[in-house]
Amino acid sequence: MKTITNILLFGIAVVIIGCHEQQQDSRIHLRQEVRSDSLVDNIVTRPVDYAFSALIGEGIEITQAVTRRNDAGFLELHINGYNRSYKTRRFKYRVEWLDENGLLIQTKTSVWLRTSAMGKSPFSFKVVAPTPKAVNFRMDTKKWE
């Protein structure tokens, strides 16, 4: 009986120690293949989490869109986002620039551009308007096939 109690206590201690995550610098991201597994994210539970992520349709989320004028007077668009899926998401985006009246500025640079975001990771990109007349934008995305 004492042996079973010792094994049980040892198991509880391992779980508690394994669940404890050390605080780290937020600028450093350790990917799943590099960091130590936790009770919540280990080789046994990971496939279930991946399947659930696919089932509920997790994907790309734009978290911030910031515009500013650069030193040359051109409008810059800075996009920050996060890929909630476990899979790398490849997608296309197109930015169209608008003048002070809200009308589309015809330009050859408003084309579909490709980008990708690794699973469970932040991403960002920057687009610069082709003319100083641009005061606003609209952005569209679609699946990269």
Protein backbone atom coordinates (compact mmCIF):
# COMPACT_ATOMS: atom_id res chain seq x y z
CA MET A 1 0.00 0.00 0.00
CA LYS A 2 2.86 2.35 0.83
CA THR A 3 4.40 1.70 -2.61
CA ILE A 4 1.16 2.65 -4.37
CA THR A 5 0.93 5.84 -2.30
CA ASN A 6 4.55 6.75 -3.16
CA ILE A 7 3.97 6.13 -6.86
CA LEU A 8 0.81 8.24 -6.76
CA LEU A 9 2.60 11.11 -4.98
CA PHE A 10 5.48 10.89 -7.44
CA GLY A 11 3.00 11.07 -10.35
CA ILE A 12 1.26 14.12 -8.88
CA ALA A 13 4.63 15.84 -8.35
CA VAL A 14 5.63 15.18 -11.98
CA VAL A 15 2.32 16.61 -13.25
CA ILE A 16 2.64 19.73 -11.08
CA ILE A 17 6.24 20.33 -12.15
CA GLY A 18 5.36 19.63 -15.80
CA CYS A 19 2.47 22.12 -15.76
CA HIS A 20 4.62 24.92 -14.37
CA GLU A 21 5.78 27.14 -17.21
CA GLN A 22 8.62 29.57 -16.64
CA GLN A 23 8.09 33.20 -17.53
CA GLN A 24 10.09 34.15 -20.58
CA ASP A 25 10.78 37.21 -22.65
CA SER A 26 7.67 38.00 -24.74
CA ARG A 27 9.93 38.80 -27.71
CA ILE A 28 11.04 35.16 -27.90
CA HIS A 29 8.69 32.52 -29.25
CA LEU A 30 9.53 28.87 -28.65
CA ARG A 31 7.70 26.67 -31.14
CA GLN A 32 6.05 23.41 -30.14
CA GLU A 33 8.83 21.32 -31.65
CA VAL A 34 11.42 23.14 -29.52
CA ARG A 35 9.84 23.83 -26.16
CA SER A 36 9.03 21.19 -23.57
CA ASP A 37 5.62 19.56 -23.74
CA SER A 38 3.11 20.42 -21.04
CA LEU A 39 0.20 18.37 -19.80
CA VAL A 40 -2.14 20.43 -21.97
CA ASP A 41 0.05 20.24 -25.09
CA ASN A 42 1.79 16.91 -25.45
CA ILE A 43 2.14 14.17 -28.04
CA VAL A 44 -1.06 12.47 -26.85
CA THR A 45 -3.37 15.51 -26.67
CA ARG A 46 -1.91 17.49 -29.62
CA PRO A 47 -3.77 15.55 -32.40
CA VAL A 48 -7.07 16.15 -30.61
CA ASP A 49 -6.31 19.88 -30.38
CA TYR A 50 -5.35 20.02 -34.09
CA ALA A 51 -8.57 18.24 -35.06
CA PHE A 52 -10.66 20.58 -32.89
CA SER A 53 -8.89 23.60 -34.43
CA ALA A 54 -9.78 22.35 -37.93
CA LEU A 55 -13.33 21.47 -36.88
CA ILE A 56 -14.16 24.96 -35.60
CA GLY A 57 -12.39 26.57 -38.57
CA GLU A 58 -9.69 28.61 -36.87
CA GLY A 59 -7.69 30.80 -39.21
CA ILE A 60 -6.32 34.26 -39.87
CA GLU A 61 -7.32 37.21 -37.70
CA ILE A 62 -6.25 40.81 -38.37
CA THR A 63 -5.49 42.31 -34.98
CA GLN A 64 -4.36 45.78 -36.01
CA ALA A 65 -4.31 48.00 -39.10
CA VAL A 66 -2.36 51.22 -38.68
CA THR A 67 -1.84 53.96 -41.26
CA ARG A 68 0.72 56.73 -41.17
CA ARG A 69 2.40 59.14 -43.57
CA ASN A 70 6.06 58.42 -44.19
CA ASP A 71 8.71 61.13 -44.64
CA ALA A 72 8.05 61.24 -48.40
CA GLY A 73 4.33 61.92 -47.83
CA PHE A 74 3.07 58.50 -48.89
CA LEU A 75 0.47 56.66 -46.82
CA GLU A 76 1.79 53.44 -45.25
CA LEU A 77 -0.45 50.62 -44.08
CA HIS A 78 0.91 48.33 -41.36
CA ILE A 79 -1.07 45.11 -40.85
CA ASN A 80 -0.62 42.90 -37.78
CA GLY A 81 -2.43 39.62 -37.39
CA TYR A 82 -2.46 36.21 -35.81
CA ASN A 83 -3.00 32.74 -37.26
CA ARG A 84 -5.24 30.89 -34.80
CA SER A 85 -4.97 27.64 -36.75
CA TYR A 86 -2.31 25.02 -36.16
CA LYS A 87 -1.65 24.87 -39.90
CA THR A 88 0.27 27.40 -41.95
CA ARG A 89 -2.29 29.55 -43.76
CA ARG A 90 -1.41 30.84 -47.21
CA PHE A 91 -3.55 33.66 -48.53
CA LYS A 92 -3.58 36.55 -50.96
CA TYR A 93 -4.35 40.17 -50.17
CA ARG A 94 -4.97 43.27 -52.25
CA VAL A 95 -4.89 46.85 -51.04
CA GLU A 96 -6.79 49.49 -52.96
CA TRP A 97 -6.09 53.13 -52.22
CA LEU A 98 -8.76 55.82 -51.95
CA ASP A 99 -8.49 59.58 -52.46
CA GLU A 100 -9.96 62.33 -50.26
CA ASN A 101 -13.41 61.85 -51.89
CA GLY A 102 -13.40 58.12 -51.21
CA LEU A 103 -12.87 57.27 -54.86
CA LEU A 104 -10.58 54.47 -55.98
CA ILE A 105 -7.17 55.58 -57.22
CA GLN A 106 -6.41 53.60 -60.37
CA THR A 107 -2.94 52.07 -60.04
CA LYS A 108 -0.98 49.11 -61.31
CA THR A 109 0.15 48.29 -57.77
CA SER A 110 -3.32 47.18 -56.58
CA VAL A 111 -2.69 43.52 -57.40
CA TRP A 112 -3.11 40.31 -55.44
CA LEU A 113 -0.03 39.65 -53.35
CA ARG A 114 0.79 36.34 -51.67
CA THR A 115 1.72 35.84 -48.04
CA SER A 116 1.55 33.14 -45.42
CA ALA A 117 1.30 32.88 -41.67
CA MET A 118 2.68 29.98 -39.70
CA GLY A 119 0.35 28.12 -37.35
CA LYS A 120 -0.36 29.69 -33.96
CA SER A 121 1.89 32.64 -34.82
CA PRO A 122 1.68 36.38 -35.32
CA PHE A 123 2.40 37.90 -38.73
CA SER A 124 2.73 41.39 -40.17
CA PHE A 125 3.27 43.16 -43.45
CA LYS A 126 3.48 46.71 -44.74
CA VAL A 127 2.07 48.26 -47.91
CA VAL A 128 2.87 51.76 -49.21
CA ALA A 129 0.48 53.81 -51.33
CA PRO A 130 1.71 54.56 -54.86
CA THR A 131 0.78 58.24 -54.65
CA PRO A 132 0.64 60.92 -51.96
CA LYS A 133 -3.01 61.54 -52.95
CA ALA A 134 -4.09 58.38 -51.07
CA VAL A 135 -5.82 59.18 -47.78
CA ASN A 136 -7.53 55.87 -47.05
CA PHE A 137 -7.53 52.24 -48.14
CA ARG A 138 -9.56 49.08 -48.41
CA MET A 139 -8.05 45.63 -48.22
CA ASP A 140 -9.43 42.35 -49.49
CA THR A 141 -8.19 38.81 -48.90
CA LYS A 142 -8.76 35.46 -50.54
CA LYS A 143 -7.48 31.93 -50.33
CA TRP A 144 -4.17 31.26 -52.05
CA GLU A 145 -4.84 28.25 -54.25
